[in-house]
């Protein structure tokens, strides 16, 4: 009786291990499937946003921003740029080996940044929509949402570090 019990217990242990392995594999497969599904949805949403920007601007040369992971087809803002100023730097460390003869030891890419000046644009007479777009951009900045900037100089992954709203002109669509 003991021998049968041990055999059955051993078989049960093996089955439990197989069940745990199967559950783990299923969980990984479901996770991969969900990730792929989200990536596909994100790609479709980005195409819809790109089409909306082109439709709204008539394909004109504008700058626009959208979150890297947009939440809706309205997750974008179009800017009519007056200027796009790019700046980048490289940090070079120097160590003196012989007096007055520095040698470069380490280099590291510095911060790249772009300053975009211009007007937020929308439909004529739609001030409430522009206010919503500005508030959306401000929310992205406050929450350090990773965005994509598409324009003369594009950044596929960026963070908004500052936003200004001067009131020097009043137009019905800016």
C-alpha atoms as a PDB file:
ATOM      1  CA  UNK A   1       0.000   0.000   0.000  1.00  0.00           C
ATOM      2  CA  UNK A   2       2.875   2.326   0.845  1.00  0.00           C
ATOM      3  CA  UNK A   3       4.509   1.648  -2.494  1.00  0.00           C
ATOM      4  CA  UNK A   4       1.321   2.460  -4.439  1.00  0.00           C
ATOM      5  CA  UNK A   5       0.864   5.624  -2.367  1.00  0.00           C
ATOM      6  CA  UNK A   6       4.438   6.777  -3.123  1.00  0.00           C
ATOM      7  CA  UNK A   7       4.024   6.054  -6.838  1.00  0.00           C
ATOM      8  CA  UNK A   8       0.755   7.973  -6.956  1.00  0.00           C
ATOM      9  CA  UNK A   9       2.238  10.846  -4.954  1.00  0.00           C
ATOM     10  CA  UNK A  10       5.248  10.979  -7.304  1.00  0.00           C
ATOM     11  CA  UNK A  11       2.950  10.989 -10.349  1.00  0.00           C
ATOM     12  CA  UNK A  12       0.866  13.758  -8.775  1.00  0.00           C
ATOM     13  CA  UNK A  13       3.987  15.859  -8.131  1.00  0.00           C
ATOM     14  CA  UNK A  14       5.090  15.428 -11.757  1.00  0.00           C
ATOM     15  CA  UNK A  15       1.628  16.444 -12.995  1.00  0.00           C
ATOM     16  CA  UNK A  16       1.641  19.521 -10.763  1.00  0.00           C
ATOM     17  CA  UNK A  17       5.028  20.552 -12.193  1.00  0.00           C
ATOM     18  CA  UNK A  18       3.711  20.058 -15.743  1.00  0.00           C
ATOM     19  CA  UNK A  19       0.635  22.123 -14.876  1.00  0.00           C
ATOM     20  CA  UNK A  20       2.778  24.945 -13.457  1.00  0.00           C
ATOM     21  CA  UNK A  21       4.989  24.902 -16.581  1.00  0.00           C
ATOM     22  CA  UNK A  22       1.929  24.966 -18.852  1.00  0.00           C
ATOM     23  CA  UNK A  23       0.410  27.876 -16.903  1.00  0.00           C
ATOM     24  CA  UNK A  24       3.673  29.790 -17.151  1.00  0.00           C
ATOM     25  CA  UNK A  25       3.934  29.219 -20.910  1.00  0.00           C
ATOM     26  CA  UNK A  26       0.297  30.237 -21.377  1.00  0.00           C
ATOM     27  CA  UNK A  27       0.828  33.414 -19.355  1.00  0.00           C
ATOM     28  CA  UNK A  28       3.909  34.348 -21.423  1.00  0.00           C
ATOM     29  CA  UNK A  29       2.049  33.672 -24.675  1.00  0.00           C
ATOM     30  CA  UNK A  30      -0.917  35.778 -23.550  1.00  0.00           C
ATOM     31  CA  UNK A  31       1.432  38.592 -22.511  1.00  0.00           C
ATOM     32  CA  UNK A  32       3.194  38.543 -25.897  1.00  0.00           C
ATOM     33  CA  UNK A  33      -0.146  38.478 -27.681  1.00  0.00           C
ATOM     34  CA  UNK A  34      -1.424  41.433 -25.642  1.00  0.00           C
ATOM     35  CA  UNK A  35       1.783  43.385 -26.290  1.00  0.00           C
ATOM     36  CA  UNK A  36       1.536  42.712 -30.015  1.00  0.00           C
ATOM     37  CA  UNK A  37      -2.123  43.715 -30.007  1.00  0.00           C
ATOM     38  CA  UNK A  38      -1.331  46.998 -28.195  1.00  0.00           C
ATOM     39  CA  UNK A  39       1.527  47.730 -30.615  1.00  0.00           C
ATOM     40  CA  UNK A  40      -0.796  47.161 -33.566  1.00  0.00           C
ATOM     41  CA  UNK A  41      -3.472  49.420 -32.065  1.00  0.00           C
ATOM     42  CA  UNK A  42      -0.834  52.104 -31.369  1.00  0.00           C
ATOM     43  CA  UNK A  43       0.436  51.910 -34.976  1.00  0.00           C
ATOM     44  CA  UNK A  44      -3.118  52.238 -36.335  1.00  0.00           C
ATOM     45  CA  UNK A  45      -3.768  55.202 -34.028  1.00  0.00           C
ATOM     46  CA  UNK A  46      -0.530  56.910 -35.110  1.00  0.00           C
ATOM     47  CA  UNK A  47      -1.522  56.505 -38.787  1.00  0.00           C
ATOM     48  CA  UNK A  48      -4.946  57.986 -38.015  1.00  0.00           C
ATOM     49  CA  UNK A  49      -3.290  60.940 -36.265  1.00  0.00           C
ATOM     50  CA  UNK A  50      -0.920  61.475 -39.209  1.00  0.00           C
ATOM     51  CA  UNK A  51      -3.892  61.429 -41.603  1.00  0.00           C
ATOM     52  CA  UNK A  52      -5.803  63.894 -39.397  1.00  0.00           C
ATOM     53  CA  UNK A  53      -2.820  66.269 -39.374  1.00  0.00           C
ATOM     54  CA  UNK A  54      -2.491  66.075 -43.162  1.00  0.00           C
ATOM     55  CA  UNK A  55      -6.239  66.641 -43.597  1.00  0.00           C
ATOM     56  CA  UNK A  56      -6.245  69.593 -41.194  1.00  0.00           C
ATOM     57  CA  UNK A  57      -3.207  71.288 -42.765  1.00  0.00           C
ATOM     58  CA  UNK A  58      -3.731  70.289 -46.366  1.00  0.00           C
ATOM     59  CA  UNK A  59      -0.252  68.741 -46.343  1.00  0.00           C
ATOM     60  CA  UNK A  60       1.462  72.071 -45.594  1.00  0.00           C
ATOM     61  CA  UNK A  61       4.868  72.196 -43.936  1.00  0.00           C
ATOM     62  CA  UNK A  62       3.991  72.389 -40.247  1.00  0.00           C
ATOM     63  CA  UNK A  63       5.343  71.041 -37.001  1.00  0.00           C
ATOM     64  CA  UNK A  64       3.213  68.776 -34.870  1.00  0.00           C
ATOM     65  CA  UNK A  65       3.506  66.825 -31.660  1.00  0.00           C
ATOM     66  CA  UNK A  66       1.836  63.698 -30.394  1.00  0.00           C
ATOM     67  CA  UNK A  67       2.503  61.379 -27.453  1.00  0.00           C
ATOM     68  CA  UNK A  68       4.639  58.331 -28.227  1.00  0.00           C
ATOM     69  CA  UNK A  69       1.721  56.306 -26.865  1.00  0.00           C
ATOM     70  CA  UNK A  70      -1.330  58.336 -27.928  1.00  0.00           C
ATOM     71  CA  UNK A  71      -4.629  57.753 -26.193  1.00  0.00           C
ATOM     72  CA  UNK A  72      -6.972  58.894 -28.949  1.00  0.00           C
ATOM     73  CA  UNK A  73      -7.167  60.237 -32.509  1.00  0.00           C
ATOM     74  CA  UNK A  74      -7.257  63.752 -31.026  1.00  0.00           C
ATOM     75  CA  UNK A  75      -3.885  63.326 -29.247  1.00  0.00           C
ATOM     76  CA  UNK A  76      -1.926  65.800 -31.345  1.00  0.00           C
ATOM     77  CA  UNK A  77      -1.257  69.498 -31.686  1.00  0.00           C
ATOM     78  CA  UNK A  78      -0.226  71.372 -34.833  1.00  0.00           C
ATOM     79  CA  UNK A  79       2.146  74.323 -34.680  1.00  0.00           C
ATOM     80  CA  UNK A  80       2.780  76.907 -37.388  1.00  0.00           C
ATOM     81  CA  UNK A  81       6.474  77.423 -36.650  1.00  0.00           C
ATOM     82  CA  UNK A  82       8.219  80.798 -36.819  1.00  0.00           C
ATOM     83  CA  UNK A  83      11.439  79.113 -35.748  1.00  0.00           C
ATOM     84  CA  UNK A  84      12.880  75.708 -34.882  1.00  0.00           C
ATOM     85  CA  UNK A  85      16.223  76.055 -33.130  1.00  0.00           C
ATOM     86  CA  UNK A  86      18.162  72.820 -32.592  1.00  0.00           C
ATOM     87  CA  UNK A  87      21.073  72.562 -30.188  1.00  0.00           C
ATOM     88  CA  UNK A  88      23.210  69.607 -29.190  1.00  0.00           C
ATOM     89  CA  UNK A  89      26.411  69.069 -27.300  1.00  0.00           C
ATOM     90  CA  UNK A  90      29.110  66.512 -26.601  1.00  0.00           C
ATOM     91  CA  UNK A  91      30.818  66.314 -23.225  1.00  0.00           C
ATOM     92  CA  UNK A  92      34.574  65.729 -23.513  1.00  0.00           C
ATOM     93  CA  UNK A  93      36.557  64.939 -20.378  1.00  0.00           C
ATOM     94  CA  UNK A  94      40.240  65.814 -20.433  1.00  0.00           C
ATOM     95  CA  UNK A  95      43.030  64.629 -18.185  1.00  0.00           C
ATOM     96  CA  UNK A  96      46.456  66.264 -18.149  1.00  0.00           C
ATOM     97  CA  UNK A  97      49.141  63.631 -18.763  1.00  0.00           C
ATOM     98  CA  UNK A  98      51.966  66.096 -19.248  1.00  0.00           C
ATOM     99  CA  UNK A  99      51.610  69.648 -17.999  1.00  0.00           C
ATOM    100  CA  UNK A 100      49.592  71.717 -20.502  1.00  0.00           C
ATOM    101  CA  UNK A 101      48.983  68.664 -22.730  1.00  0.00           C
ATOM    102  CA  UNK A 102      45.462  67.375 -22.116  1.00  0.00           C
ATOM    103  CA  UNK A 103      44.401  64.023 -23.486  1.00  0.00           C
ATOM    104  CA  UNK A 104      40.803  63.115 -24.246  1.00  0.00           C
ATOM    105  CA  UNK A 105      39.742  60.118 -22.217  1.00  0.00           C
ATOM    106  CA  UNK A 106      35.983  59.909 -22.370  1.00  0.00           C
ATOM    107  CA  UNK A 107      33.316  61.465 -24.541  1.00  0.00           C
ATOM    108  CA  UNK A 108      29.618  61.346 -23.960  1.00  0.00           C
ATOM    109  CA  UNK A 109      26.738  62.668 -25.990  1.00  0.00           C
ATOM    110  CA  UNK A 110      25.133  65.616 -24.251  1.00  0.00           C
ATOM    111  CA  UNK A 111      21.571  66.763 -24.284  1.00  0.00           C
ATOM    112  CA  UNK A 112      19.896  67.547 -27.578  1.00  0.00           C
ATOM    113  CA  UNK A 113      17.117  70.086 -27.499  1.00  0.00           C
ATOM    114  CA  UNK A 114      14.906  72.044 -29.814  1.00  0.00           C
ATOM    115  CA  UNK A 115      13.085  75.257 -29.220  1.00  0.00           C
ATOM    116  CA  UNK A 116      10.017  75.741 -31.394  1.00  0.00           C
ATOM    117  CA  UNK A 117       8.396  79.146 -31.653  1.00  0.00           C
ATOM    118  CA  UNK A 118       5.151  79.712 -33.459  1.00  0.00           C
ATOM    119  CA  UNK A 119       1.407  79.510 -33.213  1.00  0.00           C
ATOM    120  CA  UNK A 120      -0.833  76.645 -32.209  1.00  0.00           C
ATOM    121  CA  UNK A 121      -3.310  76.350 -35.061  1.00  0.00           C
ATOM    122  CA  UNK A 122      -6.835  75.074 -35.433  1.00  0.00           C
ATOM    123  CA  UNK A 123     -10.049  75.786 -37.261  1.00  0.00           C
ATOM    124  CA  UNK A 124     -11.292  79.362 -37.735  1.00  0.00           C
ATOM    125  CA  UNK A 125     -13.409  80.540 -34.825  1.00  0.00           C
ATOM    126  CA  UNK A 126     -12.642  77.471 -32.705  1.00  0.00           C
ATOM    127  CA  UNK A 127     -10.979  79.134 -29.720  1.00  0.00           C
ATOM    128  CA  UNK A 128     -12.335  76.505 -27.288  1.00  0.00           C
ATOM    129  CA  UNK A 129     -10.635  73.736 -29.322  1.00  0.00           C
ATOM    130  CA  UNK A 130      -7.333  75.649 -29.252  1.00  0.00           C
ATOM    131  CA  UNK A 131      -7.617  76.115 -25.498  1.00  0.00           C
ATOM    132  CA  UNK A 132      -8.174  72.350 -25.115  1.00  0.00           C
ATOM    133  CA  UNK A 133      -5.134  71.635 -27.318  1.00  0.00           C
ATOM    134  CA  UNK A 134      -2.978  74.014 -25.296  1.00  0.00           C
ATOM    135  CA  UNK A 135      -4.161  72.436 -22.042  1.00  0.00           C
ATOM    136  CA  UNK A 136      -3.405  68.992 -23.511  1.00  0.00           C
ATOM    137  CA  UNK A 137       0.163  70.086 -24.344  1.00  0.00           C
ATOM    138  CA  UNK A 138       0.554  71.606 -20.883  1.00  0.00           C
ATOM    139  CA  UNK A 139      -0.632  68.339 -19.329  1.00  0.00           C
ATOM    140  CA  UNK A 140       1.931  66.416 -21.413  1.00  0.00           C
ATOM    141  CA  UNK A 141       4.618  68.796 -20.139  1.00  0.00           C
ATOM    142  CA  UNK A 142       3.511  68.623 -16.481  1.00  0.00           C
ATOM    143  CA  UNK A 143       3.305  64.821 -16.521  1.00  0.00           C
ATOM    144  CA  UNK A 144       6.547  64.442 -18.516  1.00  0.00           C
ATOM    145  CA  UNK A 145       4.724  62.432 -21.177  1.00  0.00           C
ATOM    146  CA  UNK A 146       7.117  61.202 -23.854  1.00  0.00           C
ATOM    147  CA  UNK A 147       6.183  62.828 -27.168  1.00  0.00           C
ATOM    148  CA  UNK A 148       7.165  62.701 -30.823  1.00  0.00           C
ATOM    149  CA  UNK A 149       7.945  65.995 -32.543  1.00  0.00           C
ATOM    150  CA  UNK A 150       7.581  65.976 -36.305  1.00  0.00           C
ATOM    151  CA  UNK A 151       8.833  69.023 -38.216  1.00  0.00           C
ATOM    152  CA  UNK A 152      11.946  70.451 -39.874  1.00  0.00           C
ATOM    153  CA  UNK A 153      13.887  68.755 -37.097  1.00  0.00           C
ATOM    154  CA  UNK A 154      12.138  65.648 -35.761  1.00  0.00           C
ATOM    155  CA  UNK A 155      12.537  63.952 -32.412  1.00  0.00           C
ATOM    156  CA  UNK A 156      10.835  60.545 -32.155  1.00  0.00           C
ATOM    157  CA  UNK A 157      11.220  60.553 -28.350  1.00  0.00           C
ATOM    158  CA  UNK A 158      11.233  63.844 -26.458  1.00  0.00           C
ATOM    159  CA  UNK A 159       9.995  65.522 -23.304  1.00  0.00           C
ATOM    160  CA  UNK A 160       8.481  69.014 -23.224  1.00  0.00           C
ATOM    161  CA  UNK A 161      10.602  71.029 -20.793  1.00  0.00           C
ATOM    162  CA  UNK A 162       8.854  74.372 -21.121  1.00  0.00           C
ATOM    163  CA  UNK A 163       5.802  75.947 -22.699  1.00  0.00           C
ATOM    164  CA  UNK A 164       4.845  79.611 -23.071  1.00  0.00           C
ATOM    165  CA  UNK A 165       1.596  81.274 -24.041  1.00  0.00           C
ATOM    166  CA  UNK A 166       2.161  84.911 -25.046  1.00  0.00           C
ATOM    167  CA  UNK A 167      -0.831  87.083 -25.880  1.00  0.00           C
ATOM    168  CA  UNK A 168       0.615  89.523 -28.406  1.00  0.00           C
ATOM    169  CA  UNK A 169      -1.794  88.750 -31.252  1.00  0.00           C
ATOM    170  CA  UNK A 170      -5.357  87.597 -31.488  1.00  0.00           C
ATOM    171  CA  UNK A 171      -6.484  85.597 -34.483  1.00  0.00           C
ATOM    172  CA  UNK A 172      -9.509  83.377 -34.833  1.00  0.00           C
ATOM    173  CA  UNK A 173      -7.483  80.226 -35.458  1.00  0.00           C
ATOM    174  CA  UNK A 174      -4.258  80.745 -33.445  1.00  0.00           C
END
